[in-house]
Amino acid sequence: METSVVTTKGQIVIPSKIRKRYQIKEGTKIQFKEEGNKIVLEPVTPDFVRSLRGSLKGTGVLETLMEERRKDRERENESR
């Protein structure tokens, strides 16, 4: 287990072994998620983005988005 200390600015250093394993480089975005009483850090790398491909398939997200856009257009037209 690796540890790091939080600075007065709230910053931490990700140990080099972990940075190399997860291809974290300067400029890599890190996503923070809370899971119960834990904080999970996920690097937003090309591998991470590829792993999400298809994860929303069949959930109706596209239909919901299209319906919301349609409602927005209707509201816009009504306000003119």
C-alpha atoms as a PDB file:
ATOM      1  CA  MET A   1       0.000   0.000   0.000  1.00  0.00           C
ATOM      2  CA  GLU A   2       1.319   3.410  -0.978  1.00  0.00           C
ATOM      3  CA  THR A   3       0.680   6.551   1.077  1.00  0.00           C
ATOM      4  CA  SER A   4       0.936  10.262   0.463  1.00  0.00           C
ATOM      5  CA  VAL A   5       0.558  13.383   2.608  1.00  0.00           C
ATOM      6  CA  VAL A   6      -1.903  16.182   1.822  1.00  0.00           C
ATOM      7  CA  THR A   7      -0.272  19.622   1.500  1.00  0.00           C
ATOM      8  CA  THR A   8      -1.708  22.851   2.901  1.00  0.00           C
ATOM      9  CA  LYS A   9      -3.170  23.458  -0.584  1.00  0.00           C
ATOM     10  CA  GLY A  10      -4.995  20.111  -0.511  1.00  0.00           C
ATOM     11  CA  GLN A  11      -2.618  18.501  -3.001  1.00  0.00           C
ATOM     12  CA  ILE A  12      -1.236  14.970  -2.932  1.00  0.00           C
ATOM     13  CA  VAL A  13       1.532  13.200  -4.833  1.00  0.00           C
ATOM     14  CA  ILE A  14       0.565  10.006  -6.642  1.00  0.00           C
ATOM     15  CA  PRO A  15       3.481   7.583  -6.156  1.00  0.00           C
ATOM     16  CA  SER A  16       5.482   6.983  -9.358  1.00  0.00           C
ATOM     17  CA  LYS A  17       4.820   3.222  -9.321  1.00  0.00           C
ATOM     18  CA  ILE A  18       1.076   3.895  -9.485  1.00  0.00           C
ATOM     19  CA  ARG A  19       1.460   6.692 -12.088  1.00  0.00           C
ATOM     20  CA  LYS A  20       3.388   4.322 -14.365  1.00  0.00           C
ATOM     21  CA  ARG A  21       0.936   1.428 -13.905  1.00  0.00           C
ATOM     22  CA  TYR A  22      -2.060   3.598 -14.823  1.00  0.00           C
ATOM     23  CA  GLN A  23      -0.306   5.767 -17.440  1.00  0.00           C
ATOM     24  CA  ILE A  24      -0.837   8.969 -15.463  1.00  0.00           C
ATOM     25  CA  LYS A  25       1.227  11.772 -16.959  1.00  0.00           C
ATOM     26  CA  GLU A  26       1.320  15.536 -16.567  1.00  0.00           C
ATOM     27  CA  GLY A  27      -2.054  16.884 -17.638  1.00  0.00           C
ATOM     28  CA  THR A  28      -3.948  13.606 -17.067  1.00  0.00           C
ATOM     29  CA  LYS A  29      -7.374  14.320 -15.614  1.00  0.00           C
ATOM     30  CA  ILE A  30      -8.344  12.436 -12.474  1.00  0.00           C
ATOM     31  CA  GLN A  31     -11.966  11.648 -11.647  1.00  0.00           C
ATOM     32  CA  PHE A  32     -12.937  11.541  -7.947  1.00  0.00           C
ATOM     33  CA  LYS A  33     -15.762   9.258  -6.834  1.00  0.00           C
ATOM     34  CA  GLU A  34     -17.144   8.646  -3.374  1.00  0.00           C
ATOM     35  CA  GLU A  35     -17.977   5.035  -2.575  1.00  0.00           C
ATOM     36  CA  GLY A  36     -19.306   4.770   0.942  1.00  0.00           C
ATOM     37  CA  ASN A  37     -16.602   6.201   3.163  1.00  0.00           C
ATOM     38  CA  LYS A  38     -13.892   5.836   0.477  1.00  0.00           C
ATOM     39  CA  ILE A  39     -12.568   8.227  -2.152  1.00  0.00           C
ATOM     40  CA  VAL A  40     -11.728   6.506  -5.444  1.00  0.00           C
ATOM     41  CA  LEU A  41      -9.410   8.223  -7.938  1.00  0.00           C
ATOM     42  CA  GLU A  42      -9.743   7.184 -11.590  1.00  0.00           C
ATOM     43  CA  PRO A  43      -7.421   8.520 -14.281  1.00  0.00           C
ATOM     44  CA  VAL A  44      -9.265   9.669 -17.392  1.00  0.00           C
ATOM     45  CA  THR A  45      -6.888   8.074 -19.905  1.00  0.00           C
ATOM     46  CA  PRO A  46      -7.649   6.694 -23.375  1.00  0.00           C
ATOM     47  CA  ASP A  47      -7.848   3.188 -21.825  1.00  0.00           C
ATOM     48  CA  PHE A  48     -10.390   4.430 -19.260  1.00  0.00           C
ATOM     49  CA  VAL A  49     -12.497   6.120 -21.952  1.00  0.00           C
ATOM     50  CA  ARG A  50     -12.392   2.943 -24.099  1.00  0.00           C
ATOM     51  CA  SER A  51     -13.532   0.896 -21.094  1.00  0.00           C
ATOM     52  CA  LEU A  52     -16.718   3.003 -20.933  1.00  0.00           C
ATOM     53  CA  ARG A  53     -17.653   2.252 -24.529  1.00  0.00           C
ATOM     54  CA  GLY A  54     -21.043   0.554 -24.615  1.00  0.00           C
ATOM     55  CA  SER A  55     -21.639   0.929 -20.874  1.00  0.00           C
ATOM     56  CA  LEU A  56     -24.854   2.921 -21.431  1.00  0.00           C
ATOM     57  CA  LYS A  57     -26.170   0.652 -24.181  1.00  0.00           C
ATOM     58  CA  GLY A  58     -29.796  -0.249 -23.689  1.00  0.00           C
ATOM     59  CA  THR A  59     -30.366   2.198 -20.834  1.00  0.00           C
ATOM     60  CA  GLY A  60     -32.497   4.614 -22.878  1.00  0.00           C
ATOM     61  CA  VAL A  61     -30.062   7.504 -22.378  1.00  0.00           C
ATOM     62  CA  LEU A  62     -30.228   8.603 -26.025  1.00  0.00           C
ATOM     63  CA  GLU A  63     -34.025   8.587 -26.057  1.00  0.00           C
ATOM     64  CA  THR A  64     -34.130  10.611 -22.821  1.00  0.00           C
ATOM     65  CA  LEU A  65     -31.624  13.131 -24.204  1.00  0.00           C
ATOM     66  CA  MET A  66     -33.573  13.523 -27.458  1.00  0.00           C
ATOM     67  CA  GLU A  67     -36.835  14.029 -25.523  1.00  0.00           C
ATOM     68  CA  GLU A  68     -35.209  16.718 -23.341  1.00  0.00           C
ATOM     69  CA  ARG A  69     -33.888  18.513 -26.416  1.00  0.00           C
ATOM     70  CA  ARG A  70     -37.337  18.395 -28.017  1.00  0.00           C
ATOM     71  CA  LYS A  71     -38.879  19.925 -24.883  1.00  0.00           C
ATOM     72  CA  ASP A  72     -36.191  22.640 -24.836  1.00  0.00           C
ATOM     73  CA  ARG A  73     -36.971  23.544 -28.478  1.00  0.00           C
ATOM     74  CA  GLU A  74     -40.689  23.697 -27.701  1.00  0.00           C
ATOM     75  CA  ARG A  75     -40.065  26.000 -24.721  1.00  0.00           C
ATOM     76  CA  GLU A  76     -37.828  28.185 -26.881  1.00  0.00           C
ATOM     77  CA  ASN A  77     -40.521  28.472 -29.561  1.00  0.00           C
ATOM     78  CA  GLU A  78     -43.180  29.299 -26.961  1.00  0.00           C
ATOM     79  CA  SER A  79     -41.080  32.120 -25.491  1.00  0.00           C
ATOM     80  CA  ARG A  80     -40.666  33.849 -28.879  1.00  0.00           C
END
